[in-house]
Amino acid sequence: MTEDQAIPGMRWCNAVYYSRLAQSHVANMETALARDVELRRDGNITREELDDAGPELAELSDVIHDSAVSAIVFAGMAAEAYIYDYAARNLGRSYTDNHVDKLKAESKWIVIVRLVTGNEFPKDRQAFQLLTGLIKARNTLVHSKSRDVKESDLEPDAIATLYDDLHQNARDGVKALFLLGDEMDTMHPEEMAKIHLGVSPPPK
């Protein structure tokens, strides 16, 4: 039987797919958040109106939370899938697997980009700062550990802050992909990173 040979110059990478899923989930989150604000009338809702809107608000809450979590996880997957593929294409899969794939996610961007381009990825730029935040948020979700609940955790302001942070982490995670694409296009123009990352002009 003839050995199945790799096709030269062709690789399969899910970074674009993950990126688009993350962007779609953020869009769904924003739509649901806007509808939630509309139903609550910016806090001027009466008790009777709140009771009537209860079922839809509960459904919106699920959509908002699920979309935010999904966006963070998929954005993190996109960033990691891309940088592995970038390394494999430029350094070879064997070298990538043996020497850089075990590095922390943020370190991969620094080491791999330096090995390929000769220049270190700028750690003082927003792209890297958002990447660091994205990886932290993603790890918190996928490596979740139970903990004791304090009375202060149940305060309305604490709960609101928790959810606001989750929503912002989702936005920042997707923004990180756009800015990473910008930085890579500057450092390695021939790479066409925005295409590999499935991103268009950065969100405002």
Protein backbone atom coordinates (compact mmCIF):
# COMPACT_ATOMS: atom_id res chain seq x y z
CA MET A 1 0.00 0.00 0.00
CA THR A 2 1.33 3.42 -0.96
CA GLU A 3 1.94 5.73 2.01
CA ASP A 4 -0.49 8.63 2.13
CA GLN A 5 1.71 11.66 1.45
CA ALA A 6 1.16 15.21 2.67
CA ILE A 7 0.32 17.68 -0.07
CA PRO A 8 3.15 20.24 -0.31
CA GLY A 9 2.14 23.75 0.71
CA MET A 10 -1.23 22.75 2.13
CA ARG A 11 -2.15 22.61 5.82
CA TRP A 12 -5.40 22.23 7.71
CA CYS A 13 -5.90 24.80 10.49
CA ASN A 14 -9.07 25.64 12.43
CA ALA A 15 -7.98 29.14 13.50
CA VAL A 16 -10.30 30.88 11.03
CA TYR A 17 -13.25 28.70 12.07
CA TYR A 18 -12.66 29.33 15.78
CA SER A 19 -12.19 33.05 15.17
CA ARG A 20 -15.44 33.39 13.28
CA LEU A 21 -17.29 31.46 15.97
CA ALA A 22 -15.88 33.82 18.61
CA GLN A 23 -16.94 36.86 16.58
CA SER A 24 -20.42 35.41 16.04
CA HIS A 25 -20.86 34.73 19.75
CA VAL A 26 -19.84 38.29 20.67
CA ALA A 27 -22.36 39.64 18.15
CA ASN A 28 -25.07 37.44 19.71
CA MET A 29 -24.07 38.64 23.17
CA GLU A 30 -24.28 42.31 22.18
CA THR A 31 -27.69 41.82 20.55
CA ALA A 32 -29.03 40.11 23.66
CA LEU A 33 -27.54 42.76 25.96
CA ALA A 34 -29.20 45.52 23.94
CA ARG A 35 -32.55 43.73 24.14
CA ASP A 36 -32.11 43.25 27.90
CA VAL A 37 -31.55 46.99 28.36
CA GLU A 38 -34.56 47.73 26.16
CA LEU A 39 -36.83 45.48 28.21
CA ARG A 40 -35.61 46.92 31.50
CA ARG A 41 -36.06 50.47 30.18
CA ASP A 42 -32.66 51.52 31.60
CA GLY A 43 -33.79 50.55 35.10
CA ASN A 44 -37.12 52.39 34.92
CA ILE A 45 -39.17 49.22 34.63
CA THR A 46 -42.12 48.70 36.97
CA ARG A 47 -42.57 45.55 39.02
CA GLU A 48 -45.52 44.49 36.87
CA GLU A 49 -43.54 45.03 33.67
CA LEU A 50 -40.63 43.10 35.14
CA ASP A 51 -42.91 40.17 35.93
CA ASP A 52 -44.28 40.20 32.38
CA ALA A 53 -40.80 40.37 30.87
CA GLY A 54 -39.43 37.72 33.22
CA PRO A 55 -39.38 34.74 30.83
CA GLU A 56 -37.70 36.69 28.03
CA LEU A 57 -35.20 38.25 30.43
CA ALA A 58 -34.30 34.80 31.74
CA GLU A 59 -33.76 33.54 28.20
CA LEU A 60 -31.67 36.60 27.34
CA SER A 61 -29.54 36.04 30.43
CA ASP A 62 -28.74 32.53 29.24
CA VAL A 63 -27.89 33.76 25.73
CA ILE A 64 -25.65 36.53 27.09
CA HIS A 65 -23.77 34.23 29.45
CA ASP A 66 -23.44 31.32 27.03
CA SER A 67 -22.31 33.59 24.20
CA ALA A 68 -19.71 35.35 26.35
CA VAL A 69 -18.22 32.09 27.58
CA SER A 70 -18.20 30.61 24.08
CA ALA A 71 -16.55 33.72 22.62
CA ILE A 72 -13.73 33.63 25.17
CA VAL A 73 -13.05 29.93 24.69
CA PHE A 74 -13.14 30.06 20.89
CA ALA A 75 -11.00 33.22 20.75
CA GLY A 76 -8.39 31.50 22.89
CA MET A 77 -8.53 28.44 20.65
CA ALA A 78 -8.11 30.63 17.56
CA ALA A 79 -5.03 32.38 18.97
CA GLU A 80 -3.39 29.07 19.89
CA ALA A 81 -4.34 27.30 16.66
CA TYR A 82 -2.92 30.15 14.60
CA ILE A 83 0.43 30.45 16.35
CA TYR A 84 0.96 26.67 16.16
CA ASP A 85 0.18 26.69 12.45
CA TYR A 86 2.46 29.69 11.93
CA ALA A 87 5.29 27.83 13.63
CA ALA A 88 4.67 24.59 11.75
CA ARG A 89 4.64 26.38 8.40
CA ASN A 90 7.79 28.36 9.06
CA LEU A 91 9.85 26.17 11.40
CA GLY A 92 8.59 22.71 10.49
CA ARG A 93 6.20 20.52 12.43
CA SER A 94 8.92 18.37 14.02
CA TYR A 95 10.79 21.39 15.41
CA THR A 96 7.51 22.96 16.55
CA ASP A 97 6.31 19.83 18.35
CA ASN A 98 9.67 19.11 19.97
CA HIS A 99 10.79 22.59 21.00
CA VAL A 100 8.03 25.21 21.20
CA ASP A 101 4.62 23.54 21.47
CA LYS A 102 4.98 22.96 25.22
CA LEU A 103 5.55 26.64 25.96
CA LYS A 104 2.84 28.74 27.58
CA ALA A 105 0.47 30.32 25.07
CA GLU A 106 1.82 33.84 25.52
CA SER A 107 5.43 32.63 25.34
CA LYS A 108 4.73 30.92 22.02
CA TRP A 109 3.92 34.26 20.43
CA ILE A 110 7.19 35.75 21.69
CA VAL A 111 9.51 32.83 20.92
CA ILE A 112 7.99 31.67 17.63
CA VAL A 113 7.75 35.14 16.11
CA ARG A 114 11.35 35.85 17.12
CA LEU A 115 12.56 32.57 15.59
CA VAL A 116 10.75 33.26 12.32
CA THR A 117 11.23 37.01 11.89
CA GLY A 118 14.27 37.74 14.04
CA ASN A 119 12.23 40.28 16.02
CA GLU A 120 10.41 39.82 19.30
CA PHE A 121 6.65 40.29 19.40
CA PRO A 122 6.06 43.66 21.14
CA LYS A 123 4.95 42.91 24.69
CA ASP A 124 4.18 46.57 25.39
CA ARG A 125 1.46 46.75 22.73
CA GLN A 126 -2.25 46.29 23.33
CA ALA A 127 -2.32 43.14 21.20
CA PHE A 128 -0.09 41.26 23.61
CA GLN A 129 -1.82 42.68 26.68
CA LEU A 130 -5.20 41.55 25.36
CA LEU A 131 -3.74 38.16 24.44
CA THR A 132 -2.51 37.73 28.01
CA GLY A 133 -5.95 38.68 29.34
CA LEU A 134 -7.64 36.33 26.88
CA ILE A 135 -5.51 33.35 27.88
CA LYS A 136 -6.14 34.07 31.57
CA ALA A 137 -9.91 34.37 31.02
CA ARG A 138 -9.97 31.22 28.88
CA ASN A 139 -7.99 29.22 31.44
CA THR A 140 -10.26 30.39 34.25
CA LEU A 141 -13.24 29.01 32.33
CA VAL A 142 -11.82 25.73 31.03
CA HIS A 143 -9.90 24.90 34.23
CA SER A 144 -12.64 26.06 36.59
CA LYS A 145 -12.25 25.07 40.24
CA SER A 146 -14.97 25.19 42.87
CA ARG A 147 -14.57 27.50 45.85
CA ASP A 148 -16.41 28.61 48.94
CA VAL A 149 -19.00 31.35 48.48
CA LYS A 150 -18.66 34.45 50.64
CA GLU A 151 -21.57 36.65 51.64
CA SER A 152 -20.01 39.51 49.70
CA ASP A 153 -20.14 37.36 46.53
CA LEU A 154 -23.94 37.52 46.67
CA GLU A 155 -24.16 41.30 46.79
CA PRO A 156 -25.92 42.68 43.68
CA ASP A 157 -22.96 44.92 42.83
CA ALA A 158 -20.54 41.99 43.07
CA ILE A 159 -22.70 39.87 40.78
CA ALA A 160 -23.08 42.73 38.31
CA THR A 161 -19.31 43.28 38.27
CA LEU A 162 -18.71 39.57 37.69
CA TYR A 163 -20.96 39.55 34.64
CA ASP A 164 -19.68 42.88 33.33
CA ASP A 165 -16.14 41.49 33.49
CA LEU A 166 -17.23 38.36 31.62
CA HIS A 167 -18.82 40.43 28.85
CA GLN A 168 -15.76 42.66 28.54
CA ASN A 169 -13.45 39.65 28.46
CA ALA A 170 -15.45 38.33 25.51
CA ARG A 171 -15.13 41.64 23.65
CA ASP A 172 -11.44 41.91 24.47
CA GLY A 173 -10.81 38.32 23.39
CA VAL A 174 -12.14 38.98 19.92
CA LYS A 175 -10.37 42.34 19.75
CA ALA A 176 -7.13 40.54 20.61
CA LEU A 177 -7.42 38.48 17.42
CA PHE A 178 -7.83 41.60 15.30
CA LEU A 179 -4.86 43.34 16.91
CA LEU A 180 -2.69 40.22 16.74
CA GLY A 181 -3.40 40.14 13.03
CA ASP A 182 -2.37 43.80 12.74
CA GLU A 183 0.92 43.21 14.57
CA MET A 184 1.75 40.11 12.55
CA ASP A 185 1.01 41.88 9.28
CA THR A 186 3.49 44.58 10.33
CA MET A 187 6.19 42.16 11.43
CA HIS A 188 5.73 39.58 8.68
CA PRO A 189 3.74 41.13 5.78
CA GLU A 190 4.02 38.05 3.56
CA GLU A 191 2.25 36.01 6.23
CA MET A 192 -1.17 37.63 5.59
CA ALA A 193 -2.05 36.92 9.21
CA LYS A 194 -5.49 38.54 9.07
CA ILE A 195 -6.55 35.97 6.51
CA HIS A 196 -5.21 33.10 8.62
CA LEU A 197 -6.94 34.56 11.69
CA GLY A 198 -10.23 35.26 9.92
CA VAL A 199 -10.37 38.91 10.98
CA SER A 200 -11.38 42.13 9.28
CA PRO A 201 -10.85 45.77 10.41
CA PRO A 202 -10.72 45.92 14.23
CA PRO A 203 -13.91 46.75 16.16
CA LYS A 204 -14.22 50.26 17.58
